[in-house]
């Protein structure tokens, strides 16, 4: 039995999308598993798993409850379920407060534990008062997994971990059976899909970079798809920069239904994050749809684009002029008909599709069917 375990689940996000895709695939393959989650918000993707008859143990948040207390109860429940030879797979990087206890509880039950780091270790360093225990827990983990090959060295540098780090792509659903045709004419539309978060997604720098681009390409629009508390601040910044007529805020979208419309509306996409984990779900979906992307050279993003200029262009997120030039280069490619949706899509199937991810995953976590 495999227990897909997450000590934090929100309404939506990369972890939730990954859990959903992995669970659906295991279910289709008739591999025995259970889902174990603690929700900080009710998650519609978990609701869908329940509707499909997948066995889910979920701790729902109650008003005034204490998160760490619920984690102890969840671990106590897990201890009653584990049998020798079972696997616990942490779909997100573990929370430092309880990870050593989690690892040792699993081992007392003669089971094994694997954990997937979606963020690079450099962004989740061990800090007091749990730092030393967290590093010890990583050392005792049976399978340390990274979703990005470029972060492998960080496990030793940040945690002192000297064992093997397995690189396993993210299970992800195929939303597009074929490339999505590009819009036929200007205005040239640049898309962004994700949370409107200035600190991580670097959207303030993006707007600043856009000023220069608009001076050369006046038939230009930036379409931002996603919600977030920073939207008001970004709207004000666009107005102060005098580019508000070129920037469109579409708000939150339904990932399961709205992606085709979003892809069809935009010529290419921008992902200017200051930091990321592995190759993001949004980028995988862009490749499925055959969309070129200007992307920051951070985290696991280079795994997708480095050495593949026909698929995407890597830029420095901290340099507005570098970001501007990247956007101009992409605009020239689009205007000259130099974007090949089929080449972009072929890159997706060369190591990042569901079949590739599952082969890598089952080579680490041995499953009995």
Protein backbone atom coordinates (compact mmCIF):
# COMPACT_ATOMS: atom_id res chain seq x y z
CA UNK A 1 0.00 0.00 0.00
CA UNK A 2 1.15 3.52 -0.80
CA UNK A 3 -0.01 6.44 1.33
CA UNK A 4 0.04 9.75 -0.54
CA UNK A 5 0.67 12.12 2.35
CA UNK A 6 0.48 15.90 2.58
CA UNK A 7 0.59 17.73 5.89
CA UNK A 8 -0.63 20.93 4.19
CA UNK A 9 -3.27 21.24 1.47
CA UNK A 10 -4.82 24.48 0.24
CA UNK A 11 -7.72 25.16 -2.10
CA UNK A 12 -5.52 25.09 -5.19
CA UNK A 13 -1.88 25.15 -6.20
CA UNK A 14 0.98 23.05 -7.50
CA UNK A 15 0.93 20.54 -4.64
CA UNK A 16 -2.80 20.02 -4.99
CA UNK A 17 -2.52 19.63 -8.77
CA UNK A 18 0.29 17.10 -8.36
CA UNK A 19 -1.59 15.08 -5.75
CA UNK A 20 -4.67 15.04 -7.97
CA UNK A 21 -2.79 13.89 -11.08
CA UNK A 22 -0.79 11.24 -9.22
CA UNK A 23 -3.84 9.84 -7.46
CA UNK A 24 -5.88 9.65 -10.66
CA UNK A 25 -3.05 7.83 -12.42
CA UNK A 26 -2.53 5.31 -9.62
CA UNK A 27 -6.29 4.75 -9.60
CA UNK A 28 -6.32 4.11 -13.36
CA UNK A 29 -3.43 1.66 -12.97
CA UNK A 30 -5.18 -0.16 -10.10
CA UNK A 31 -2.19 0.39 -7.82
CA UNK A 32 -3.28 0.19 -4.15
CA UNK A 33 -3.00 3.54 -2.40
CA UNK A 34 -4.72 5.93 -0.02
CA UNK A 35 -4.65 9.71 0.23
CA UNK A 36 -3.89 11.32 3.60
CA UNK A 37 -4.16 15.11 3.83
CA UNK A 38 -4.63 17.96 6.28
CA UNK A 39 -6.54 20.83 4.68
CA UNK A 40 -6.05 24.45 5.55
CA UNK A 41 -8.80 25.14 3.00
CA UNK A 42 -11.28 22.77 1.44
CA UNK A 43 -9.70 21.53 -1.77
CA UNK A 44 -11.98 20.87 -4.78
CA UNK A 45 -9.38 18.54 -6.31
CA UNK A 46 -9.54 16.35 -3.20
CA UNK A 47 -13.35 16.47 -3.44
CA UNK A 48 -13.00 15.09 -6.97
CA UNK A 49 -10.85 12.20 -5.74
CA UNK A 50 -13.52 11.31 -3.20
CA UNK A 51 -16.21 11.47 -5.90
CA UNK A 52 -14.23 8.97 -7.98
CA UNK A 53 -14.27 6.48 -5.12
CA UNK A 54 -10.64 6.99 -4.06
CA UNK A 55 -10.10 6.39 -0.35
CA UNK A 56 -9.15 9.68 1.31
CA UNK A 57 -8.39 10.44 4.95
CA UNK A 58 -8.75 14.19 5.27
CA UNK A 59 -8.51 16.47 8.24
CA UNK A 60 -10.70 19.46 7.58
CA UNK A 61 -9.82 22.74 9.22
CA UNK A 62 -12.16 23.91 11.95
CA UNK A 63 -12.48 27.50 13.26
CA UNK A 64 -9.85 28.14 15.89
CA UNK A 65 -8.06 24.83 15.44
CA UNK A 66 -4.32 24.45 15.85
CA UNK A 67 -2.50 23.08 12.83
CA UNK A 68 0.26 21.20 14.68
CA UNK A 69 -2.22 19.48 16.96
CA UNK A 70 -4.04 18.09 13.96
CA UNK A 71 -0.76 16.83 12.52
CA UNK A 72 -0.12 14.76 15.63
CA UNK A 73 -3.58 13.20 15.32
CA UNK A 74 -2.96 12.47 11.63
CA UNK A 75 0.32 10.75 12.43
CA UNK A 76 -1.33 8.73 15.18
CA UNK A 77 -3.95 7.57 12.67
CA UNK A 78 -1.25 6.73 10.12
CA UNK A 79 0.52 4.54 12.68
CA UNK A 80 -2.61 2.39 12.98
CA UNK A 81 -2.73 1.83 9.21
CA UNK A 82 0.85 1.14 8.17
CA UNK A 83 2.04 -2.41 7.58
CA UNK A 84 5.54 -3.72 6.89
CA UNK A 85 6.55 -2.98 3.33
CA UNK A 86 4.16 -0.04 2.86
CA UNK A 87 5.35 3.29 1.49
CA UNK A 88 4.51 6.79 2.70
CA UNK A 89 5.06 9.28 -0.11
CA UNK A 90 5.16 12.94 0.93
CA UNK A 91 3.89 14.78 -2.12
CA UNK A 92 5.32 18.04 -0.82
CA UNK A 93 8.59 18.85 0.91
CA UNK A 94 8.11 17.98 4.61
CA UNK A 95 7.35 20.52 7.31
CA UNK A 96 10.40 20.74 9.61
CA UNK A 97 8.42 20.70 12.86
CA UNK A 98 7.30 17.09 12.57
CA UNK A 99 9.37 15.43 9.89
CA UNK A 100 11.80 13.54 12.15
CA UNK A 101 8.86 12.18 14.13
CA UNK A 102 7.15 11.21 10.87
CA UNK A 103 10.17 9.35 9.50
CA UNK A 104 10.74 7.40 12.71
CA UNK A 105 7.06 6.54 13.09
CA UNK A 106 7.06 5.08 9.58
CA UNK A 107 10.19 3.07 10.28
CA UNK A 108 8.81 1.71 13.56
CA UNK A 109 6.00 0.27 11.46
CA UNK A 110 8.64 -1.33 9.17
CA UNK A 111 7.42 0.80 6.30
CA UNK A 112 9.39 3.19 4.08
CA UNK A 113 9.11 6.91 3.45
CA UNK A 114 9.88 9.03 0.39
CA UNK A 115 9.58 12.78 0.08
CA UNK A 116 9.38 15.00 -2.98
CA UNK A 117 10.92 18.49 -2.90
CA UNK A 118 9.01 20.80 -5.22
CA UNK A 119 11.01 23.77 -3.95
CA UNK A 120 14.77 23.79 -4.18
CA UNK A 121 16.46 23.24 -0.77
CA UNK A 122 18.02 26.71 -1.00
CA UNK A 123 14.54 28.17 -0.52
CA UNK A 124 13.67 26.01 2.51
CA UNK A 125 16.87 25.99 4.58
CA UNK A 126 16.99 24.34 8.01
CA UNK A 127 16.54 26.97 10.68
CA UNK A 128 16.29 26.82 14.49
CA UNK A 129 14.72 25.33 16.47
CA UNK A 130 14.04 22.42 14.09
CA UNK A 131 16.99 22.69 11.69
CA UNK A 132 19.23 19.97 13.09
CA UNK A 133 16.35 17.51 13.51
CA UNK A 134 15.14 18.24 9.99
CA UNK A 135 18.56 17.48 8.50
CA UNK A 136 18.66 14.24 10.49
CA UNK A 137 15.21 13.34 9.17
CA UNK A 138 16.36 13.93 5.58
CA UNK A 139 19.30 11.60 6.22
CA UNK A 140 16.93 8.88 7.47
CA UNK A 141 14.50 9.24 4.53
CA UNK A 142 14.42 6.14 2.35
CA UNK A 143 14.06 8.02 -0.94
CA UNK A 144 14.92 11.70 -1.28
CA UNK A 145 13.30 13.00 -4.46
CA UNK A 146 13.78 16.22 -6.36
CA UNK A 147 11.58 17.26 -9.25
CA UNK A 148 14.56 19.06 -10.80
CA UNK A 149 17.99 17.75 -11.70
CA UNK A 150 19.58 21.18 -11.27
CA UNK A 151 18.94 21.15 -7.50
CA UNK A 152 20.59 17.80 -6.71
CA UNK A 153 23.78 19.34 -5.30
CA UNK A 154 21.76 21.53 -2.92
CA UNK A 155 20.72 18.63 -0.71
CA UNK A 156 24.31 18.21 0.41
CA UNK A 157 25.07 21.92 0.50
CA UNK A 158 21.94 22.87 2.48
CA UNK A 159 21.10 19.73 4.51
CA UNK A 160 24.41 17.90 4.57
CA UNK A 161 22.71 14.94 2.88
CA UNK A 162 25.22 12.69 1.10
CA UNK A 163 22.91 9.95 -0.13
CA UNK A 164 21.33 9.54 -3.55
CA UNK A 165 18.84 12.12 -4.78
CA UNK A 166 16.35 10.75 -7.30
CA UNK A 167 15.02 13.06 -9.99
CA UNK A 168 11.36 12.33 -10.71
CA UNK A 169 9.24 14.55 -13.00
CA UNK A 170 5.82 15.63 -11.82
CA UNK A 171 2.83 13.47 -12.71
CA UNK A 172 0.65 15.76 -14.80
CA UNK A 173 -2.55 15.31 -16.75
CA UNK A 174 -2.62 15.74 -20.52
CA UNK A 175 -5.00 18.65 -21.13
CA UNK A 176 -4.26 19.04 -24.83
CA UNK A 177 -4.42 16.21 -27.35
CA UNK A 178 -2.85 18.46 -30.00
CA UNK A 179 -1.21 21.90 -30.21
CA UNK A 180 -3.46 24.91 -29.78
CA UNK A 181 -3.31 27.17 -32.88
CA UNK A 182 -1.74 30.58 -32.37
CA UNK A 183 -3.92 33.69 -32.67
CA UNK A 184 -3.88 34.75 -36.30
CA UNK A 185 -3.05 38.44 -35.94
CA UNK A 186 -2.10 41.32 -33.64
CA UNK A 187 -2.50 42.68 -31.06
CA UNK A 188 0.35 40.53 -29.83
CA UNK A 189 -0.78 38.94 -26.59
CA UNK A 190 1.60 37.84 -23.84
CA UNK A 191 0.07 35.59 -21.19
CA UNK A 192 0.84 34.86 -17.57
CA UNK A 193 -0.91 32.12 -15.59
CA UNK A 194 -0.41 31.76 -11.87
CA UNK A 195 -0.81 33.45 -8.53
CA UNK A 196 -0.53 37.25 -8.56
CA UNK A 197 2.30 37.33 -6.06
CA UNK A 198 4.94 40.02 -6.32
CA UNK A 199 7.53 38.46 -4.01
CA UNK A 200 7.76 35.12 -5.83
CA UNK A 201 6.32 35.75 -9.29
CA UNK A 202 8.23 39.02 -9.78
CA UNK A 203 5.32 40.71 -11.56
CA UNK A 204 6.44 44.19 -10.53
CA UNK A 205 9.66 43.75 -12.49
CA UNK A 206 7.66 42.36 -15.40
CA UNK A 207 5.50 45.49 -15.57
CA UNK A 208 8.58 47.70 -15.44
CA UNK A 209 10.17 45.71 -18.27
CA UNK A 210 6.99 46.00 -20.31
CA UNK A 211 7.34 49.79 -20.53
CA UNK A 212 10.38 49.47 -22.79
CA UNK A 213 8.77 46.76 -24.90
CA UNK A 214 5.62 48.83 -25.53
CA UNK A 215 7.75 51.65 -26.89
CA UNK A 216 8.75 49.34 -29.76
CA UNK A 217 5.64 47.17 -29.97
CA UNK A 218 2.58 49.33 -29.39
CA UNK A 219 0.14 46.60 -30.50
CA UNK A 220 0.92 44.66 -27.36
CA UNK A 221 -1.17 43.29 -24.50
CA UNK A 222 -0.22 41.50 -21.29
CA UNK A 223 -2.93 39.17 -20.00
CA UNK A 224 -2.64 38.06 -16.36
CA UNK A 225 -4.68 35.00 -15.42
CA UNK A 226 -4.88 34.26 -11.71
CA UNK A 227 -5.94 35.74 -8.42
CA UNK A 228 -3.97 37.01 -5.49
CA UNK A 229 -3.77 39.68 -2.83
CA UNK A 230 -1.24 41.68 -4.86
CA UNK A 231 -3.60 42.41 -7.74
CA UNK A 232 -4.56 45.87 -6.43
CA UNK A 233 -0.92 46.82 -6.03
CA UNK A 234 -0.11 45.61 -9.54
CA UNK A 235 -3.04 47.51 -11.03
CA UNK A 236 -1.78 50.68 -9.35
CA UNK A 237 1.75 50.06 -10.63
CA UNK A 238 0.51 49.58 -14.21
CA UNK A 239 -1.34 52.89 -13.94
CA UNK A 240 1.68 54.71 -12.50
CA UNK A 241 3.83 53.35 -15.33
CA UNK A 242 1.26 54.53 -17.88
CA UNK A 243 0.69 51.08 -19.36
CA UNK A 244 -2.70 50.26 -17.85
CA UNK A 245 -4.34 50.11 -21.31
CA UNK A 246 -1.95 47.30 -22.23
CA UNK A 247 -2.41 45.16 -19.09
CA UNK A 248 -5.49 43.00 -18.50
CA UNK A 249 -6.30 41.32 -15.16
CA UNK A 250 -8.62 38.35 -15.66
CA UNK A 251 -8.74 37.15 -12.05
CA UNK A 252 -8.91 33.57 -10.83
CA UNK A 253 -9.62 30.86 -13.36
CA UNK A 254 -10.82 27.27 -13.22
CA UNK A 255 -7.77 25.21 -14.07
CA UNK A 256 -9.89 22.26 -15.21
CA UNK A 257 -12.05 24.19 -17.67
CA UNK A 258 -10.40 27.47 -18.68
CA UNK A 259 -6.95 26.42 -19.93
CA UNK A 260 -7.92 25.91 -23.61
CA UNK A 261 -9.43 29.40 -23.82
CA UNK A 262 -6.40 30.96 -22.11
CA UNK A 263 -3.92 29.21 -24.41
CA UNK A 264 -5.87 30.13 -27.54
CA UNK A 265 -5.95 33.81 -26.55
CA UNK A 266 -2.17 34.30 -26.21
CA UNK A 267 0.75 34.16 -28.64
CA UNK A 268 3.32 33.26 -25.99
CA UNK A 269 3.76 33.35 -22.22
CA UNK A 270 6.02 34.88 -19.58
CA UNK A 271 7.16 33.30 -16.31
CA UNK A 272 9.40 35.81 -14.57
CA UNK A 273 9.61 34.26 -11.08
CA UNK A 274 12.30 35.19 -8.60
CA UNK A 275 12.30 31.60 -7.31
CA UNK A 276 10.60 28.32 -8.16
CA UNK A 277 10.91 24.63 -7.47
CA UNK A 278 10.80 22.12 -10.25
CA UNK A 279 9.46 22.56 -13.76
CA UNK A 280 6.12 24.15 -12.92
CA UNK A 281 2.76 22.68 -13.91
CA UNK A 282 1.92 25.82 -15.83
CA UNK A 283 5.05 25.42 -17.96
CA UNK A 284 4.29 21.76 -18.65
CA UNK A 285 0.81 22.74 -19.79
CA UNK A 286 2.25 25.47 -22.00
CA UNK A 287 4.45 22.88 -23.70
CA UNK A 288 1.47 20.57 -24.16
CA UNK A 289 -0.34 23.40 -25.93
CA UNK A 290 2.70 24.33 -28.04
CA UNK A 291 3.30 27.72 -26.47
CA UNK A 292 6.70 29.41 -26.39
CA UNK A 293 7.72 30.85 -23.01
CA UNK A 294 10.12 33.52 -21.79
CA UNK A 295 11.10 32.14 -18.39
CA UNK A 296 13.35 33.05 -15.48
CA UNK A 297 16.55 31.09 -15.08
CA UNK A 298 15.68 29.88 -11.56
CA UNK A 299 14.94 26.59 -9.77
CA UNK A 300 14.00 23.73 -12.06
CA UNK A 301 12.84 25.90 -14.97
CA UNK A 302 16.10 25.43 -16.94
CA UNK A 303 15.40 21.68 -17.01
CA UNK A 304 12.74 22.45 -19.61
CA UNK A 305 14.39 25.14 -21.71
CA UNK A 306 18.17 25.06 -21.42
CA UNK A 307 19.53 23.98 -24.79
CA UNK A 308 16.08 24.16 -26.41
CA UNK A 309 15.73 27.71 -27.79
CA UNK A 310 12.82 26.62 -29.97
CA UNK A 311 10.82 25.88 -26.80
CA UNK A 312 11.66 28.77 -24.50
CA UNK A 313 14.05 31.57 -23.67
CA UNK A 314 15.76 31.85 -20.28
CA UNK A 315 16.26 35.33 -18.78
CA UNK A 316 17.51 36.87 -15.56
CA UNK A 317 14.52 37.76 -13.37
CA UNK A 318 16.36 40.55 -11.54
CA UNK A 319 17.26 42.53 -14.64
CA UNK A 320 14.36 44.47 -16.23
CA UNK A 321 16.36 45.21 -19.39
CA UNK A 322 17.21 41.52 -19.83
CA UNK A 323 13.55 40.68 -19.34
CA UNK A 324 12.54 43.36 -21.88
CA UNK A 325 14.96 41.97 -24.44
CA UNK A 326 13.63 38.47 -23.89
CA UNK A 327 10.09 39.65 -24.57
CA UNK A 328 11.20 41.50 -27.71
CA UNK A 329 13.00 38.40 -28.98
CA UNK A 330 9.86 36.31 -28.45
CA UNK A 331 7.70 38.93 -30.17
CA UNK A 332 10.02 38.85 -33.18
CA UNK A 333 9.75 35.06 -33.31
CA UNK A 334 5.96 35.23 -33.25
CA UNK A 335 5.74 38.02 -35.82
CA UNK A 336 8.11 36.16 -38.17
CA UNK A 337 6.25 32.87 -37.87
CA UNK A 338 9.27 31.24 -36.21
CA UNK A 339 7.33 29.45 -33.46
CA UNK A 340 6.80 25.72 -34.03
CA UNK A 341 4.03 24.43 -31.77
CA UNK A 342 4.93 20.85 -32.76
CA UNK A 343 8.58 21.19 -31.70
CA UNK A 344 7.50 22.63 -28.35
CA UNK A 345 5.03 19.82 -27.82
CA UNK A 346 7.66 17.22 -28.78
CA UNK A 347 9.86 18.51 -25.96
CA UNK A 348 7.05 17.78 -23.50
CA UNK A 349 6.83 14.15 -24.60
CA UNK A 350 10.60 13.78 -24.34
CA UNK A 351 10.68 13.19 -20.60
CA UNK A 352 7.94 15.30 -18.98
CA UNK A 353 4.65 13.58 -19.85
CA UNK A 354 2.69 11.28 -17.53
CA UNK A 355 4.30 8.09 -18.84
CA UNK A 356 7.83 9.45 -18.29
CA UNK A 357 6.98 10.69 -14.81
CA UNK A 358 5.42 7.39 -13.78
CA UNK A 359 8.35 5.32 -15.04
CA UNK A 360 10.73 7.41 -12.96
CA UNK A 361 8.44 7.33 -9.91
CA UNK A 362 7.92 3.56 -9.89
CA UNK A 363 11.65 2.99 -10.33
CA UNK A 364 12.07 4.59 -6.89
CA UNK A 365 8.87 3.57 -5.12
CA UNK A 366 8.34 -0.10 -5.82
CA UNK A 367 4.67 -0.84 -6.19
CA UNK A 368 2.72 -4.07 -6.13
CA UNK A 369 -0.13 -4.26 -8.61
